[in-house]
Every structure is written in structure tokens, then in C-alpha cells.
Amino acid sequence: MTTHDLTVISAVEHPALPKKPFTGRHLIDGGWRDSLDGATFVRRSPAHGTLASVSAKGGADDVEAAVAAARRRFDDGRWSFTSGKQRAALLTRVAELIDRELERIALLETLESGKPISQARAEIEGAADLWRYAAALARTIHGDSHNSLGPDMLGFVLKEPVGVVSIVTPWNFPFLIVSQKLPFALAAGCTAVIKPSELTPSTTVILGELLLEAGLPDGVVNIVLGYGKPVGAVMTTHADVDMVSFTGSTAVGKTIVASAAASLKKVSLELGGKNPQVLFPDADLDSAIDAIVFGVYFNAGECCNSGSRIIVHKDIAEEVIERVVELSKKVPFGDPLHPDTKVGAIISPEHCRKIDGYVKTAAKDGAEIRLGGGELAVPGLPGQFYQPTVVANVTGVMSVAREEVFGPVLSVLTFDTLDEALILANASSYGLSAGVWSESVHTCLEFARRARAGTIWTNTWMDGFAELPFGGFKESGQGRELGRYGLEEFLEVKTLQMRLGQSRELWLNSR
């Protein structure tokens, strides 16, 4: 059915809905535990309003126990000194178990996050592929040797696991993002403590179940549920933690860097983005407009890689806006449990109000709301949804053009020349990804060389592969995930120098 010319999918009956909420507990040293103080918290479905999960609410003492377990297990070498073959075999078993539990994981992720069930299934499939890729990498870790240091010296460069890693993951892709981090850390030989978002804790708990079933030694992976304070704060400052891997907001990332400075922990950050797509007059508009609509509405725009702004040549700007508006009306918003739904619920009422605030401010500042611009009522569902929204006449100084809205809101800017397009594309504190649409390879290559972003897409948007590194420039983060670079994040380099025989000249010869 359509409401105000939008495509809206009403609530459906779903026989697979669980009869009772998922119960989540901490995984510490191989055992499932309630919080030491008995505290719990609940998560209600942002789409359906039903009680999705009841979880243990961790405190500082729970984190202490988890870090101590990870520290003991790393130091005793039961995981850090296993062979690459053994690690690879275990990671492969985990991937197989993820495949087996796909439907269970996807349903719970949909209930807690509000994303469409079809999208959740695809993400779980992608996560299993990441575990398999990390398994392949586990057997390839090696250093270097140097035999050109003279007749009596040999030099070696060793690659060793960094140690205990605190992994903090967000709510928008809870199972996929933990799978962008944990299997690479395990392939390197690290041990870990994980804190999933309090809004989407449960699929990480299921992953813990699968790790134990696969035979991971106790204490190698520990999971503490709860809130950023105190759980995340203790995990990122603890003296026995060697590295922090965090995905989330830039503001929190800066806090983690500041707190980690006291002990000079290694920090890997995947943060926000304000990602531009630049359209030249010779672009294939059919492909570009479809990609624009996908890029801004995928995961309801709650995505660091969201294509949240387009920079369009003035000669084609009006045509592009009109076609994007018309295609946006055809995107099915609504019940995330319906197989045809493409866009589900917004994660929380507070976030829905934040999205709407950006749109209202843009209109006040002189932008033109060409579509949407308000909450969306979905028949039969009490949750929060936001309309597909297109904002035109945007200038580079407006907050909707510069800041991460994290919702289904597209900002449209215009340009005359390539240089002007690059100025607009780079005029952001973020630098996660960018795209260019042109049939000229010269235009695409020049843009790719000059755009300040970690990923550049040409004539496509948001393709991803386990083999290719992911991460950003500027305030979009530091370090890389995925690919061989993602494995290297969890390794330290050690130099070993060996003198052969008794060839060393004495510095002080008293004879």
C-alpha cells in the first residue's frame, strides 16, 4: 500500500517470532555468568515494540574478570602459540556453525535492530565469509629474514599477536562488524574481550555459543554485556588490555584515543562518514540513480558508508533530483519481517528525533525538502520509522551537508568543474568513502587520486570484499579492517638478531 505516494508495507503475522525474549549472559573464562550484582537490562524491538531480549548488565567487576581471563589465556600460550593450521581449522568450524544458525541469528538481529530480515540474512552470510577468509589468512602469517648482515650475523623480523584486545561494536551491523574484527584477531593469536552495543547485544552472545561449540579454549574470547559506562570505559583503559578495536561515533572514538594515551595502547578506529557521490554529465544515470537510492536508504541510512550526499553537475542536477525522488517513492519501507521490505525501523525514538532535527534545520537554513521530511506511520506497527527524504539546494556550510545524519536523508549539492567537485567532496572532517560517476576513465582516475577517502568507488557504490581493506582518512578513523591489512592490525613486529659462534669483538678486552 502507499501513503502520501510512498511505498509502505504494513505489519505481517510471523509464525517464527519467539514466544519469549532471548536471555543473554556474560561469557567469561568459558562459562556463562550473570552480572555479579544481578543487574539486567531489556531491549524492545524498534519496529514491533515487543520485548526482544533480557541481558545481564555488566559492571566494572565483570569486566575485571573478563580481562583477567583473556590475560591468563594469552600469557599461557594455549592460543597465542597454536599453529596457523589449528587456528584456521577452528575459524572454519565457526563459519560452518554460523551457516547452520543463520535464520536464528538473522531473526534476532531484525528484532533488536529493526533492519529488514532479508538484509539481516545477507549480512550473516557475509559474516560467515569473513570467518572463512580470516581462516585462510591464519596460515599465511610470516615475518622476514636477513642474511646480508655479514658472515656472522642473521636477522629475523617476527610477527606476533599484539595480546589482549578489547573489541567494542555498534548497533547498526552488530554481527557483521564483530566478524570484521574478531576472526582476524583470533587468526593473529590474540585473545579478546567484546562489548556489543546495549541496543543489539544478543547476536554476539549467540556467536559466543558457537565459539564454545567449535572448541575455542576457555578465556580466549570473553563477552561482557552492558553500557559504555562502566563496561566500555573499563575495557578501553584497563592496564592488561594491549589494544582497543572500536567501531562507532567519531566523538566516542576521540574519547577512546584520549583514554588509551595513558598506557599507549594500540587503537584501531572505524568511525563516521559523510560520503559523497559525484555525478558528471556523461554518467550512466540509470545505474547512478539506482545506486544513489540504495546508498542512502540501505539500513535506513544508519550506516557509516551511507551515500548521504550527492554532488551533481549543474547541467543534470534537476533531472537527477526528479528521478531520485520518483525512485525513492518506490522503495518499500515498513515491517522488517516482510520479505519485500527494503528499509525498516529507526533504532530508537531519540535517534529518530535527531534525524528529523537535521532535516528541519536544513529547511530553516534555506534548503528545499523535495521528498519526505518527517516520521512515517506504518499500519500495525508502533515503532519509529522515517520517510525517505531528499533535500535539495544544499550548500556546503549547512549541517546536513557536513555532519553525519545517520538516517534516510539525501543532501544534494551542485558543481560546475572537477576542481569544484573535489573541493566540495573533500570539504568534510570525514574521509571514509567517496564515489564518482562518469564514462571517462580519465575523470574517474583523477577524482580517485585527489579524493581524500579510504575507499573510492567508480561507477558503483558500496561493493565490498573480504580481500580489500576498509577504513578512513581524517576523522573517519585510523587503522584498517579486512584484507591482509586487517590481520596486520592485530600483529606486533619483533626484531631478532643472532650472532653466529664466538665472533663478537670484545668492547673491553682486559687481557
Protein backbone atom coordinates (compact mmCIF):
# COMPACT_ATOMS: atom_id res chain seq x y z
CA MET A 1 0.00 0.00 0.00
CA THR A 2 1.11 3.61 -0.43
CA THR A 3 0.78 6.55 1.93
CA HIS A 4 1.49 10.04 0.62
CA ASP A 5 2.86 8.41 -2.57
CA LEU A 6 5.39 6.35 -0.59
CA THR A 7 5.57 2.56 -0.65
CA VAL A 8 4.73 1.31 2.84
CA ILE A 9 4.50 -2.34 3.89
CA SER A 10 2.12 -2.99 6.78
CA ALA A 11 2.69 -5.36 9.67
CA VAL A 12 2.59 -9.08 8.89
CA GLU A 13 1.92 -12.14 11.01
CA HIS A 14 5.15 -14.03 11.54
CA PRO A 15 4.87 -17.58 12.93
CA ALA A 16 8.60 -17.79 13.67
CA LEU A 17 8.52 -14.99 16.25
CA PRO A 18 9.97 -16.26 19.54
CA LYS A 19 7.47 -16.93 22.32
CA LYS A 20 9.76 -15.36 24.93
CA PRO A 21 12.67 -12.91 24.86
CA PHE A 22 16.25 -14.01 24.33
CA THR A 23 18.24 -14.24 27.57
CA GLY A 24 21.82 -13.02 27.34
CA ARG A 25 24.57 -13.52 29.89
CA HIS A 26 28.27 -12.69 30.02
CA LEU A 27 30.77 -15.20 28.66
CA ILE A 28 33.78 -15.16 30.99
CA ASP A 29 36.53 -17.77 31.05
CA GLY A 30 34.44 -20.28 29.15
CA GLY A 31 31.31 -20.01 31.33
CA TRP A 32 28.03 -18.13 31.13
CA ARG A 33 27.53 -15.77 34.05
CA ASP A 34 25.00 -13.35 35.40
CA SER A 35 26.30 -9.96 36.49
CA LEU A 36 27.94 -10.03 39.89
CA ASP A 37 25.34 -7.57 41.19
CA GLY A 38 22.47 -9.36 39.39
CA ALA A 39 21.58 -6.33 37.26
CA THR A 40 19.84 -6.76 33.88
CA PHE A 41 18.57 -4.56 31.04
CA VAL A 42 16.00 -5.08 28.31
CA ARG A 43 15.76 -4.37 24.60
CA ARG A 44 12.45 -3.84 22.83
CA SER A 45 12.08 -4.15 19.08
CA PRO A 46 12.24 -0.67 17.48
CA ALA A 47 9.71 -1.82 14.88
CA HIS A 48 7.30 -4.07 16.78
CA GLY A 49 7.62 -2.80 20.34
CA THR A 50 7.85 -6.37 21.65
CA LEU A 51 10.37 -7.46 24.26
CA ALA A 52 13.28 -8.85 22.24
CA SER A 53 15.87 -9.64 24.90
CA VAL A 54 16.78 -9.51 28.58
CA SER A 55 20.53 -9.25 29.18
CA ALA A 56 22.94 -9.20 32.09
CA LYS A 57 24.05 -5.64 32.78
CA GLY A 58 27.77 -5.67 33.33
CA GLY A 59 29.73 -3.65 35.84
CA ALA A 60 33.40 -2.92 36.44
CA ASP A 61 33.93 -6.18 38.34
CA ASP A 62 32.54 -8.22 35.45
CA VAL A 63 34.98 -6.53 33.09
CA GLU A 64 37.85 -7.18 35.51
CA ALA A 65 37.04 -10.89 35.48
CA ALA A 66 36.81 -10.97 31.67
CA VAL A 67 40.09 -9.13 31.15
CA ALA A 68 41.84 -11.34 33.70
CA ALA A 69 40.65 -14.45 31.83
CA ALA A 70 41.84 -13.08 28.48
CA ARG A 71 45.18 -12.09 30.01
CA ARG A 72 45.77 -15.52 31.55
CA ARG A 73 44.89 -17.33 28.39
CA PHE A 74 47.11 -15.15 26.22
CA ASP A 75 50.07 -15.39 28.57
CA ASP A 76 49.89 -19.17 28.96
CA GLY A 77 50.23 -19.58 25.19
CA ARG A 78 47.36 -22.05 24.76
CA TRP A 79 46.06 -19.91 21.91
CA SER A 80 48.85 -17.47 21.07
CA PHE A 81 51.31 -20.29 20.31
CA THR A 82 48.95 -22.57 18.41
CA SER A 83 49.80 -23.23 14.79
CA GLY A 84 48.17 -21.38 11.94
CA LYS A 85 46.69 -24.69 10.87
CA GLN A 86 44.92 -25.14 14.22
CA ARG A 87 43.59 -21.58 14.24
CA ALA A 88 42.37 -21.90 10.67
CA ALA A 89 40.53 -25.12 11.43
CA LEU A 90 38.69 -23.56 14.36
CA LEU A 91 37.73 -20.41 12.45
CA THR A 92 36.40 -22.57 9.62
CA ARG A 93 34.27 -24.54 12.09
CA VAL A 94 32.83 -21.25 13.38
CA ALA A 95 31.90 -20.24 9.83
CA GLU A 96 30.08 -23.55 9.35
CA LEU A 97 28.17 -23.06 12.60
CA ILE A 98 27.19 -19.52 11.56
CA ASP A 99 25.75 -21.01 8.36
CA ARG A 100 23.78 -23.52 10.42
CA GLU A 101 22.35 -20.84 12.72
CA LEU A 102 21.72 -18.22 10.03
CA GLU A 103 17.95 -17.99 10.45
CA ARG A 104 18.14 -17.78 14.23
CA ILE A 105 20.77 -15.05 14.16
CA ALA A 106 19.03 -13.07 11.41
CA LEU A 107 15.65 -13.09 13.17
CA LEU A 108 17.13 -11.89 16.45
CA GLU A 109 19.14 -9.19 14.70
CA THR A 110 16.00 -7.98 12.93
CA LEU A 111 14.07 -7.84 16.19
CA GLU A 112 16.75 -5.86 18.03
CA SER A 113 17.88 -3.54 15.23
CA GLY A 114 14.75 -3.07 13.11
CA LYS A 115 16.53 -3.91 9.85
CA PRO A 116 14.79 -5.99 7.15
CA ILE A 117 15.04 -9.75 7.58
CA SER A 118 16.32 -10.20 4.02
CA GLN A 119 19.16 -7.78 4.73
CA ALA A 120 19.98 -9.48 8.03
CA ARG A 121 20.25 -12.85 6.29
CA ALA A 122 22.66 -11.40 3.72
CA GLU A 123 24.80 -9.87 6.46
CA ILE A 124 25.06 -13.17 8.35
CA GLU A 125 26.12 -14.89 5.13
CA GLY A 126 28.73 -12.18 4.66
CA ALA A 127 29.94 -12.64 8.23
CA ALA A 128 30.50 -16.36 7.67
CA ASP A 129 32.58 -15.49 4.61
CA LEU A 130 34.75 -13.21 6.75
CA TRP A 131 35.43 -16.06 9.18
CA ARG A 132 36.47 -18.27 6.27
CA TYR A 133 38.73 -15.57 4.84
CA ALA A 134 40.37 -14.97 8.22
CA ALA A 135 40.90 -18.73 8.50
CA ALA A 136 42.78 -18.66 5.20
CA LEU A 137 44.96 -15.80 6.46
CA ALA A 138 45.84 -17.63 9.69
CA ARG A 139 48.21 -19.94 7.81
CA THR A 140 49.97 -17.11 5.96
CA ILE A 141 51.44 -15.13 8.88
CA HIS A 142 55.18 -14.77 8.48
CA GLY A 143 57.99 -12.33 9.02
CA ASP A 144 61.28 -11.74 7.17
CA SER A 145 64.85 -12.94 7.36
CA HIS A 146 68.05 -11.04 6.55
CA ASN A 147 71.23 -12.93 5.70
CA SER A 148 73.06 -9.92 4.27
CA LEU A 149 74.25 -8.53 7.60
CA GLY A 150 77.72 -10.05 7.40
CA PRO A 151 79.19 -13.55 7.73
CA ASP A 152 78.49 -13.87 11.45
CA MET A 153 75.00 -12.31 11.81
CA LEU A 154 71.47 -13.34 10.97
CA GLY A 155 68.46 -11.07 11.38
CA PHE A 156 64.80 -12.02 11.67
CA VAL A 157 61.61 -10.00 11.76
CA LEU A 158 58.86 -11.84 13.63
CA LYS A 159 55.12 -11.15 13.53
CA GLU A 160 53.50 -11.82 16.90
CA PRO A 161 49.97 -11.29 18.26
CA VAL A 162 49.53 -7.94 19.96
CA GLY A 163 47.95 -9.51 23.06
CA VAL A 164 44.61 -8.88 24.76
CA VAL A 165 42.21 -6.91 22.55
CA SER A 166 39.11 -5.02 23.71
CA ILE A 167 36.55 -5.08 20.90
CA VAL A 168 33.66 -2.60 21.10
CA THR A 169 30.98 -2.89 18.41
CA PRO A 170 27.99 -0.74 17.34
CA TRP A 171 24.28 -1.38 16.90
CA ASN A 172 23.88 -0.89 13.16
CA PHE A 173 25.64 -4.08 11.96
CA PRO A 174 26.24 -5.98 15.20
CA PHE A 175 27.06 -9.44 13.83
CA LEU A 176 28.85 -8.31 10.68
CA ILE A 177 31.12 -5.81 12.42
CA VAL A 178 32.20 -8.16 15.20
CA SER A 179 33.07 -10.52 12.33
CA GLN A 180 35.20 -7.82 10.73
CA LYS A 181 37.32 -7.78 13.89
CA LEU A 182 37.25 -10.95 15.98
CA PRO A 183 38.25 -13.63 13.44
CA PHE A 184 41.24 -11.52 12.35
CA ALA A 185 42.28 -11.05 15.99
CA LEU A 186 41.96 -14.80 16.58
CA ALA A 187 43.84 -15.61 13.36
CA ALA A 188 46.69 -13.46 14.69
CA GLY A 189 46.71 -15.33 18.02
CA CYS A 190 45.16 -12.64 20.21
CA THR A 191 42.64 -13.10 22.99
CA ALA A 192 39.67 -10.77 23.33
CA VAL A 193 37.02 -9.12 25.46
CA ILE A 194 33.95 -7.98 23.49
CA LYS A 195 31.26 -5.45 24.33
CA PRO A 196 28.37 -5.31 21.86
CA SER A 197 26.03 -2.34 21.85
CA GLU A 198 23.40 -2.40 24.58
CA LEU A 199 20.82 -1.93 21.80
CA THR A 200 21.81 -5.11 19.93
CA PRO A 201 23.60 -7.43 22.38
CA SER A 202 22.10 -10.82 21.59
CA THR A 203 23.64 -11.97 18.31
CA THR A 204 27.10 -11.54 19.82
CA VAL A 205 26.01 -13.87 22.63
CA ILE A 206 24.98 -16.43 20.02
CA LEU A 207 28.43 -16.05 18.45
CA GLY A 208 29.89 -16.86 21.87
CA GLU A 209 27.84 -20.06 21.96
CA LEU A 210 29.20 -21.04 18.55
CA LEU A 211 32.80 -20.33 19.57
CA LEU A 212 32.48 -22.69 22.53
CA GLU A 213 30.84 -25.35 20.36
CA ALA A 214 33.69 -25.03 17.86
CA GLY A 215 36.19 -25.83 20.61
CA LEU A 216 37.78 -22.46 21.36
CA PRO A 217 39.76 -22.74 24.62
CA ASP A 218 38.16 -21.13 27.66
CA GLY A 219 39.06 -17.48 28.14
CA VAL A 220 40.24 -16.80 24.59
CA VAL A 221 37.04 -14.85 23.86
CA ASN A 222 35.05 -13.18 26.61
CA ILE A 223 31.85 -11.16 26.23
CA VAL A 224 30.59 -8.53 28.67
CA LEU A 225 27.16 -7.02 28.06
CA GLY A 226 26.13 -3.58 29.21
CA TYR A 227 26.64 0.12 28.65
CA GLY A 228 29.58 2.27 27.67
CA LYS A 229 29.88 3.36 31.28
CA PRO A 230 31.23 1.42 33.03
CA VAL A 231 31.80 -1.56 30.71
CA GLY A 232 33.31 0.18 27.69
CA ALA A 233 35.23 2.65 29.83
CA VAL A 234 36.97 -0.08 31.83
CA MET A 235 37.67 -2.17 28.73
CA THR A 236 39.42 0.72 26.97
CA THR A 237 41.52 1.85 29.92
CA HIS A 238 42.45 -1.41 31.65
CA ALA A 239 46.19 -1.91 32.16
CA ASP A 240 46.05 -5.54 30.99
CA VAL A 241 44.47 -4.64 27.65
CA ASP A 242 47.02 -4.21 24.86
CA MET A 243 44.76 -2.94 22.08
CA VAL A 244 41.33 -1.42 21.55
CA SER A 245 39.35 -2.00 18.35
CA PHE A 246 36.28 0.23 18.20
CA THR A 247 33.56 0.95 15.66
CA GLY A 248 31.15 3.76 16.40
CA SER A 249 30.86 7.52 16.52
CA THR A 250 33.78 9.85 15.99
CA ALA A 251 33.07 11.56 19.31
CA VAL A 252 33.44 8.31 21.26
CA GLY A 253 36.47 7.36 19.18
CA LYS A 254 38.23 10.54 20.23
CA THR A 255 37.45 9.75 23.87
CA ILE A 256 38.96 6.29 23.48
CA VAL A 257 42.15 7.69 21.95
CA ALA A 258 42.48 10.14 24.83
CA SER A 259 41.92 7.49 27.49
CA ALA A 260 44.21 4.97 25.79
CA ALA A 261 47.03 7.51 25.73
CA ALA A 262 47.77 6.95 29.41
CA SER A 263 49.09 3.46 28.65
CA LEU A 264 49.87 3.97 24.94
CA LYS A 265 47.60 1.13 23.90
CA LYS A 266 47.29 0.38 20.24
CA VAL A 267 43.97 1.74 18.95
CA SER A 268 42.09 0.87 15.76
CA LEU A 269 39.04 3.00 14.98
CA GLU A 270 36.31 2.79 12.33
CA LEU A 271 34.21 5.90 12.80
CA GLY A 272 31.80 8.17 10.95
CA GLY A 273 31.44 9.26 7.36
CA LYS A 274 29.81 11.91 5.19
CA ASN A 275 30.31 10.14 1.93
CA PRO A 276 29.87 11.96 -1.41
CA GLN A 277 28.96 10.60 -4.82
CA VAL A 278 29.94 12.94 -7.66
CA LEU A 279 27.91 12.77 -10.88
CA PHE A 280 29.32 14.15 -14.15
CA PRO A 281 27.15 14.87 -17.21
CA ASP A 282 28.37 11.75 -19.02
CA ALA A 283 27.37 9.40 -16.17
CA ASP A 284 25.13 6.40 -16.77
CA LEU A 285 22.18 7.91 -14.92
CA ASP A 286 20.13 4.72 -14.77
CA SER A 287 22.86 2.98 -12.78
CA ALA A 288 23.83 6.08 -10.81
CA ILE A 289 20.31 6.89 -9.62
CA ASP A 290 19.67 3.31 -8.53
CA ALA A 291 22.97 3.33 -6.63
CA ILE A 292 22.15 6.68 -5.02
CA VAL A 293 18.80 5.40 -3.77
CA PHE A 294 20.41 2.20 -2.49
CA GLY A 295 23.29 4.11 -0.88
CA VAL A 296 21.15 6.48 1.15
CA TYR A 297 18.34 4.11 2.23
CA PHE A 298 20.30 0.92 2.87
CA ASN A 299 19.97 0.08 6.57
CA ALA A 300 17.72 3.15 6.85
CA GLY A 301 20.82 5.29 6.31
CA GLU A 302 22.21 4.07 9.65
CA CYS A 303 25.50 3.19 8.02
CA CYS A 304 28.94 4.81 8.17
CA ASN A 305 29.25 4.22 4.41
CA SER A 306 25.88 5.77 3.64
CA GLY A 307 25.87 7.76 0.40
CA SER A 308 24.30 10.63 2.30
CA ARG A 309 25.28 13.44 -0.11
CA ILE A 310 25.49 13.68 -3.87
CA ILE A 311 27.40 16.35 -5.74
CA VAL A 312 25.81 16.74 -9.18
CA HIS A 313 26.90 18.73 -12.22
CA LYS A 314 24.53 21.66 -12.70
CA ASP A 315 23.65 20.57 -16.25
CA ILE A 316 21.97 17.40 -14.97
CA ALA A 317 21.06 18.37 -11.39
CA GLU A 318 17.32 18.85 -11.84
CA GLU A 319 16.91 15.65 -13.83
CA VAL A 320 18.82 13.70 -11.20
CA ILE A 321 16.76 15.15 -8.34
CA GLU A 322 13.47 14.39 -10.07
CA ARG A 323 14.48 10.83 -10.87
CA VAL A 324 15.85 10.17 -7.38
CA VAL A 325 12.60 11.44 -5.86
CA GLU A 326 10.48 9.22 -8.09
CA LEU A 327 12.59 6.13 -7.44
CA SER A 328 12.65 6.85 -3.70
CA LYS A 329 8.85 6.63 -3.63
CA LYS A 330 9.09 3.04 -4.86
CA VAL A 331 11.42 1.84 -2.07
CA PRO A 332 9.41 -0.42 0.29
CA PHE A 333 9.58 0.95 3.84
CA GLY A 334 7.85 -0.90 6.66
CA ASP A 335 7.65 -4.14 8.60
CA PRO A 336 11.18 -5.58 8.69
CA LEU A 337 9.81 -9.12 8.90
CA HIS A 338 8.15 -8.85 5.48
CA PRO A 339 10.39 -10.37 2.80
CA ASP A 340 9.79 -7.45 0.40
CA THR A 341 10.76 -4.70 2.84
CA LYS A 342 13.94 -2.81 1.91
CA VAL A 343 14.00 -0.27 4.78
CA GLY A 344 12.95 -0.99 8.34
CA ALA A 345 12.74 0.90 11.61
CA ILE A 346 14.99 3.57 13.09
CA ILE A 347 16.99 2.23 16.03
CA SER A 348 15.41 4.43 18.75
CA PRO A 349 12.98 7.32 19.26
CA GLU A 350 15.88 9.55 20.28
CA HIS A 351 17.72 8.85 17.06
CA CYS A 352 14.55 9.42 15.03
CA ARG A 353 14.24 12.88 16.58
CA LYS A 354 17.90 13.59 15.83
CA ILE A 355 17.39 12.74 12.15
CA ASP A 356 14.31 14.95 11.97
CA GLY A 357 16.22 17.79 13.63
CA TYR A 358 18.77 17.84 10.81
CA VAL A 359 16.01 17.99 8.19
CA LYS A 360 14.10 20.75 9.98
CA THR A 361 17.30 22.78 10.40
CA ALA A 362 18.14 22.37 6.69
CA ALA A 363 14.71 23.72 5.72
CA LYS A 364 15.13 26.62 8.11
CA ASP A 365 18.54 27.38 6.54
CA GLY A 366 17.05 27.62 3.05
CA ALA A 367 17.26 24.08 1.70
CA GLU A 368 14.30 22.62 -0.19
CA ILE A 369 12.72 19.39 1.05
CA ARG A 370 11.78 17.66 -2.22
CA LEU A 371 10.55 14.45 -0.58
CA GLY A 372 9.75 13.25 2.92
CA GLY A 373 10.97 15.19 5.89
CA GLY A 374 9.11 13.52 8.75
CA GLU A 375 8.31 10.33 10.59
CA LEU A 376 6.46 7.56 8.77
CA ALA A 377 3.43 5.73 10.12
CA VAL A 378 3.41 2.00 9.32
CA PRO A 379 -0.01 0.38 9.78
CA GLY A 380 0.00 -2.22 12.55
CA LEU A 381 3.40 -1.27 13.98
CA PRO A 382 4.06 1.01 16.96
CA GLY A 383 7.76 1.53 16.23
CA GLN A 384 9.62 4.51 14.80
CA PHE A 385 10.13 4.88 11.05
CA TYR A 386 11.35 7.84 8.99
CA GLN A 387 10.31 8.79 5.49
CA PRO A 388 12.72 8.65 2.55
CA THR A 389 13.92 12.24 2.38
CA VAL A 390 15.60 14.24 -0.38
CA VAL A 391 16.97 17.71 0.43
CA ALA A 392 17.91 19.99 -2.49
CA ASN A 393 19.51 23.46 -2.69
CA VAL A 394 22.02 22.39 -0.07
CA THR A 395 25.18 24.44 0.42
CA GLY A 396 28.46 23.24 1.83
CA VAL A 397 28.08 25.20 5.07
CA MET A 398 24.79 23.56 6.11
CA SER A 399 24.95 20.95 8.89
CA VAL A 400 23.02 18.47 6.72
CA ALA A 401 25.90 18.65 4.21
CA ARG A 402 28.72 18.39 6.75
CA GLU A 403 27.54 16.23 9.64
CA GLU A 404 26.60 12.57 9.81
CA VAL A 405 22.79 12.41 9.88
CA PHE A 406 22.75 8.58 10.08
CA GLY A 407 19.28 8.32 8.59
CA PRO A 408 17.45 8.02 5.24
CA VAL A 409 18.23 11.60 4.24
CA LEU A 410 19.95 12.61 1.00
CA SER A 411 21.58 16.02 0.56
CA VAL A 412 22.06 17.36 -2.99
CA LEU A 413 24.82 19.85 -3.86
CA THR A 414 25.86 21.05 -7.32
CA PHE A 415 29.11 21.92 -9.12
CA ASP A 416 30.46 23.27 -12.43
CA THR A 417 34.02 21.88 -12.67
CA LEU A 418 36.01 18.88 -11.47
CA ASP A 419 38.07 21.11 -9.20
CA GLU A 420 34.91 22.48 -7.61
CA ALA A 421 33.52 18.96 -7.17
CA LEU A 422 36.70 17.86 -5.40
CA ILE A 423 36.64 20.89 -3.11
CA LEU A 424 33.08 20.01 -2.08
CA ALA A 425 33.87 16.29 -1.74
CA ASN A 426 36.91 16.94 0.46
CA ALA A 427 35.32 19.74 2.49
CA SER A 428 34.43 17.45 5.36
CA SER A 429 36.11 16.37 8.55
CA TYR A 430 35.37 12.80 7.46
CA GLY A 431 37.10 10.71 4.81
CA LEU A 432 35.63 7.23 4.81
CA SER A 433 34.43 6.69 1.24
CA ALA A 434 33.57 8.57 -1.94
CA GLY A 435 32.20 7.75 -5.38
CA VAL A 436 32.44 9.11 -8.90
CA TRP A 437 30.13 8.53 -11.86
CA SER A 438 31.50 9.17 -15.35
CA GLU A 439 32.09 7.24 -18.56
CA SER A 440 35.54 8.86 -18.81
CA VAL A 441 38.26 6.77 -17.22
CA HIS A 442 40.41 9.92 -17.02
CA THR A 443 37.77 11.73 -14.94
CA CYS A 444 37.34 8.72 -12.66
CA LEU A 445 41.06 8.27 -12.11
CA GLU A 446 41.73 11.94 -11.44
CA PHE A 447 38.89 12.07 -8.93
CA ALA A 448 40.10 8.85 -7.27
CA ARG A 449 43.64 10.18 -6.96
CA ARG A 450 42.58 13.50 -5.44
CA ALA A 451 39.65 12.49 -3.22
CA ARG A 452 40.63 12.16 0.44
CA ALA A 453 38.86 8.96 1.44
CA GLY A 454 39.77 5.40 2.38
CA THR A 455 37.59 3.80 -0.31
CA ILE A 456 36.78 5.19 -3.75
CA TRP A 457 34.02 3.63 -5.84
CA THR A 458 33.84 4.37 -9.55
CA ASN A 459 30.51 3.77 -11.32
CA THR A 460 29.27 1.71 -8.39
CA TRP A 461 28.53 2.15 -4.69
CA MET A 462 29.12 0.11 -1.55
CA ASP A 463 30.51 -3.05 -3.10
CA GLY A 464 32.65 -4.88 -0.56
CA PHE A 465 35.06 -7.79 -0.50
CA ALA A 466 36.81 -9.58 2.36
CA GLU A 467 40.10 -9.23 0.49
CA LEU A 468 40.06 -5.41 0.35
CA PRO A 469 40.90 -3.21 3.36
CA PHE A 470 38.30 -0.91 4.84
CA GLY A 471 38.89 2.25 6.86
CA GLY A 472 39.02 6.01 6.63
CA PHE A 473 41.07 9.18 6.43
CA LYS A 474 40.78 12.14 8.81
CA GLU A 475 38.07 11.80 11.46
CA SER A 476 36.71 8.62 9.92
CA GLY A 477 39.22 6.60 11.88
CA GLN A 478 42.65 5.06 11.99
CA GLY A 479 43.84 1.62 11.02
CA ARG A 480 42.17 -0.80 8.63
CA GLU A 481 39.85 -3.78 8.79
CA LEU A 482 39.53 -6.67 6.32
CA GLY A 483 42.13 -7.91 3.86
CA ARG A 484 45.67 -8.65 4.92
CA TYR A 485 45.84 -5.15 6.41
CA GLY A 486 43.05 -6.14 8.81
CA LEU A 487 45.16 -9.02 10.06
CA GLU A 488 48.25 -6.84 10.40
CA GLU A 489 46.37 -4.57 12.84
CA PHE A 490 46.50 -7.38 15.41
CA LEU A 491 50.22 -8.15 14.99
CA GLU A 492 53.33 -6.69 16.56
CA VAL A 493 56.73 -6.66 14.85
CA LYS A 494 59.72 -8.03 16.76
CA THR A 495 63.33 -7.93 15.58
CA LEU A 496 65.56 -10.91 16.42
CA GLN A 497 69.36 -10.63 15.87
CA MET A 498 71.61 -13.68 16.14
CA ARG A 499 75.40 -13.74 16.18
CA LEU A 500 76.99 -16.97 14.99
CA GLY A 501 79.71 -18.59 17.07
CA GLN A 502 82.14 -16.54 19.19
CA SER A 503 82.77 -13.89 16.56
CA ARG A 504 81.87 -10.79 18.57
CA GLU A 505 84.76 -8.41 19.22
CA LEU A 506 85.06 -7.58 22.92
CA TRP A 507 84.27 -3.95 23.69
CA LEU A 508 86.57 -4.05 26.71
CA ASN A 509 89.44 -6.52 26.41
CA SER A 510 91.26 -6.55 29.72
CA ARG A 511 93.55 -9.41 28.83
